[in-house]
Amino acid sequence: MTDAANPTVLRLPAGASQFEVFATNPQFAPPQPNSVGLDGTAFGGDGALYVTTYTAGGFWRFAGRSSSATRAVSWASVAR
């Protein structure tokens, strides 16, 4: 799950009743006040988590699923 107003990707661990921070990065922040930052998530066939930023047009990839708010994130590109 993404938080569109903050630069945060959340997750709900199995058996938990509260979300926890999966990742955070200033690059996910809305580009201007009252705009949208992160807005979508999907797992790819490679097992990586992909997230998008609507207003800024970002497309990000997280390798692995271990919990770490400072995990490595890379700009993802799509073959056309």
C-alpha atoms as a PDB file:
ATOM      1  CA  MET A   1       0.000   0.000   0.000  1.00  0.00           C
ATOM      2  CA  THR A   2       1.246   3.493  -0.709  1.00  0.00           C
ATOM      3  CA  ASP A   3       0.637   6.717   1.158  1.00  0.00           C
ATOM      4  CA  ALA A   4      -0.058   9.303  -1.551  1.00  0.00           C
ATOM      5  CA  ALA A   5       0.504  12.271   0.787  1.00  0.00           C
ATOM      6  CA  ASN A   6       3.806  11.023   2.228  1.00  0.00           C
ATOM      7  CA  PRO A   7       6.894   9.320   0.764  1.00  0.00           C
ATOM      8  CA  THR A   8       5.995   5.969   2.329  1.00  0.00           C
ATOM      9  CA  VAL A   9       5.233   2.440   1.171  1.00  0.00           C
ATOM     10  CA  LEU A  10       3.392   0.426   3.831  1.00  0.00           C
ATOM     11  CA  ARG A  11       2.829  -3.279   4.386  1.00  0.00           C
ATOM     12  CA  LEU A  12       0.589  -5.379   6.607  1.00  0.00           C
ATOM     13  CA  PRO A  13       2.557  -8.358   7.921  1.00  0.00           C
ATOM     14  CA  ALA A  14       0.737 -11.682   8.252  1.00  0.00           C
ATOM     15  CA  GLY A  15      -1.226 -11.772  11.502  1.00  0.00           C
ATOM     16  CA  ALA A  16      -0.672  -8.063  12.206  1.00  0.00           C
ATOM     17  CA  SER A  17      -3.410  -5.526  12.864  1.00  0.00           C
ATOM     18  CA  GLN A  18      -1.382  -2.421  11.966  1.00  0.00           C
ATOM     19  CA  PHE A  19       0.556  -1.388   8.897  1.00  0.00           C
ATOM     20  CA  GLU A  20       4.297  -0.902   9.156  1.00  0.00           C
ATOM     21  CA  VAL A  21       6.676   1.111   6.995  1.00  0.00           C
ATOM     22  CA  PHE A  22       8.056  -1.048   4.196  1.00  0.00           C
ATOM     23  CA  ALA A  23      10.102   1.759   2.614  1.00  0.00           C
ATOM     24  CA  THR A  24      10.427   5.506   2.618  1.00  0.00           C
ATOM     25  CA  ASN A  25      12.396   7.765   0.314  1.00  0.00           C
ATOM     26  CA  PRO A  26      12.254  11.535  -0.347  1.00  0.00           C
ATOM     27  CA  GLN A  27      12.022  10.757  -4.070  1.00  0.00           C
ATOM     28  CA  PHE A  28       8.487   9.422  -3.434  1.00  0.00           C
ATOM     29  CA  ALA A  29       7.219  12.710  -2.002  1.00  0.00           C
ATOM     30  CA  PRO A  30       4.566  14.718  -3.842  1.00  0.00           C
ATOM     31  CA  PRO A  31       6.349  17.295  -6.023  1.00  0.00           C
ATOM     32  CA  GLN A  32       4.273  20.138  -4.602  1.00  0.00           C
ATOM     33  CA  PRO A  33       1.952  20.672  -1.619  1.00  0.00           C
ATOM     34  CA  ASN A  34      -1.522  19.179  -1.982  1.00  0.00           C
ATOM     35  CA  SER A  35      -0.490  16.962  -4.883  1.00  0.00           C
ATOM     36  CA  VAL A  36      -0.146  13.195  -5.182  1.00  0.00           C
ATOM     37  CA  GLY A  37       3.053  11.223  -4.699  1.00  0.00           C
ATOM     38  CA  LEU A  38       2.975   7.441  -4.592  1.00  0.00           C
ATOM     39  CA  ASP A  39      -0.157   5.924  -6.061  1.00  0.00           C
ATOM     40  CA  GLY A  40       0.269   2.311  -7.142  1.00  0.00           C
ATOM     41  CA  THR A  41       1.982  -0.979  -6.364  1.00  0.00           C
ATOM     42  CA  ALA A  42       2.447  -4.286  -8.145  1.00  0.00           C
ATOM     43  CA  PHE A  43       4.690  -7.324  -7.891  1.00  0.00           C
ATOM     44  CA  GLY A  44       6.463  -8.211 -11.116  1.00  0.00           C
ATOM     45  CA  GLY A  45       7.200 -11.664 -12.464  1.00  0.00           C
ATOM     46  CA  ASP A  46      10.738 -11.189 -11.161  1.00  0.00           C
ATOM     47  CA  GLY A  47       9.420 -11.010  -7.559  1.00  0.00           C
ATOM     48  CA  ALA A  48      10.298  -7.332  -7.159  1.00  0.00           C
ATOM     49  CA  LEU A  49       7.827  -4.756  -5.888  1.00  0.00           C
ATOM     50  CA  TYR A  50       7.154  -1.869  -8.271  1.00  0.00           C
ATOM     51  CA  VAL A  51       5.633   1.470  -7.218  1.00  0.00           C
ATOM     52  CA  THR A  52       4.645   4.532  -9.208  1.00  0.00           C
ATOM     53  CA  THR A  53       4.351   8.237  -8.543  1.00  0.00           C
ATOM     54  CA  TYR A  54       1.458   9.802 -10.395  1.00  0.00           C
ATOM     55  CA  THR A  55       2.297  13.504 -10.567  1.00  0.00           C
ATOM     56  CA  ALA A  56       6.076  13.108 -10.976  1.00  0.00           C
ATOM     57  CA  GLY A  57       5.828  10.126 -13.338  1.00  0.00           C
ATOM     58  CA  GLY A  58       8.183   7.922 -11.323  1.00  0.00           C
ATOM     59  CA  PHE A  59       8.492   4.149 -11.617  1.00  0.00           C
ATOM     60  CA  TRP A  60      10.499   2.463  -8.865  1.00  0.00           C
ATOM     61  CA  ARG A  61      11.675  -1.102  -8.176  1.00  0.00           C
ATOM     62  CA  PHE A  62      12.405  -2.773  -4.837  1.00  0.00           C
ATOM     63  CA  ALA A  63      14.364  -6.007  -5.000  1.00  0.00           C
ATOM     64  CA  GLY A  64      13.492  -8.473  -2.230  1.00  0.00           C
ATOM     65  CA  ARG A  65      10.758  -8.353   0.360  1.00  0.00           C
ATOM     66  CA  SER A  66      12.602  -8.097   3.669  1.00  0.00           C
ATOM     67  CA  SER A  67      11.490  -5.287   5.949  1.00  0.00           C
ATOM     68  CA  SER A  68      13.736  -2.226   6.003  1.00  0.00           C
ATOM     69  CA  ALA A  69      12.597   1.371   5.796  1.00  0.00           C
ATOM     70  CA  THR A  70      15.947   2.302   4.222  1.00  0.00           C
ATOM     71  CA  ARG A  71      15.966  -0.475   1.583  1.00  0.00           C
ATOM     72  CA  ALA A  72      17.579   0.108  -1.784  1.00  0.00           C
ATOM     73  CA  VAL A  73      15.288   1.390  -4.477  1.00  0.00           C
ATOM     74  CA  SER A  74      16.124   1.934  -8.105  1.00  0.00           C
ATOM     75  CA  TRP A  75      14.520   3.783 -10.984  1.00  0.00           C
ATOM     76  CA  ALA A  76      12.805   1.201 -13.173  1.00  0.00           C
ATOM     77  CA  SER A  77      12.485   1.380 -16.907  1.00  0.00           C
ATOM     78  CA  VAL A  78      10.151  -0.419 -19.251  1.00  0.00           C
ATOM     79  CA  ALA A  79      11.238  -1.883 -22.571  1.00  0.00           C
ATOM     80  CA  ARG A  80       9.108  -0.500 -25.371  1.00  0.00           C
END
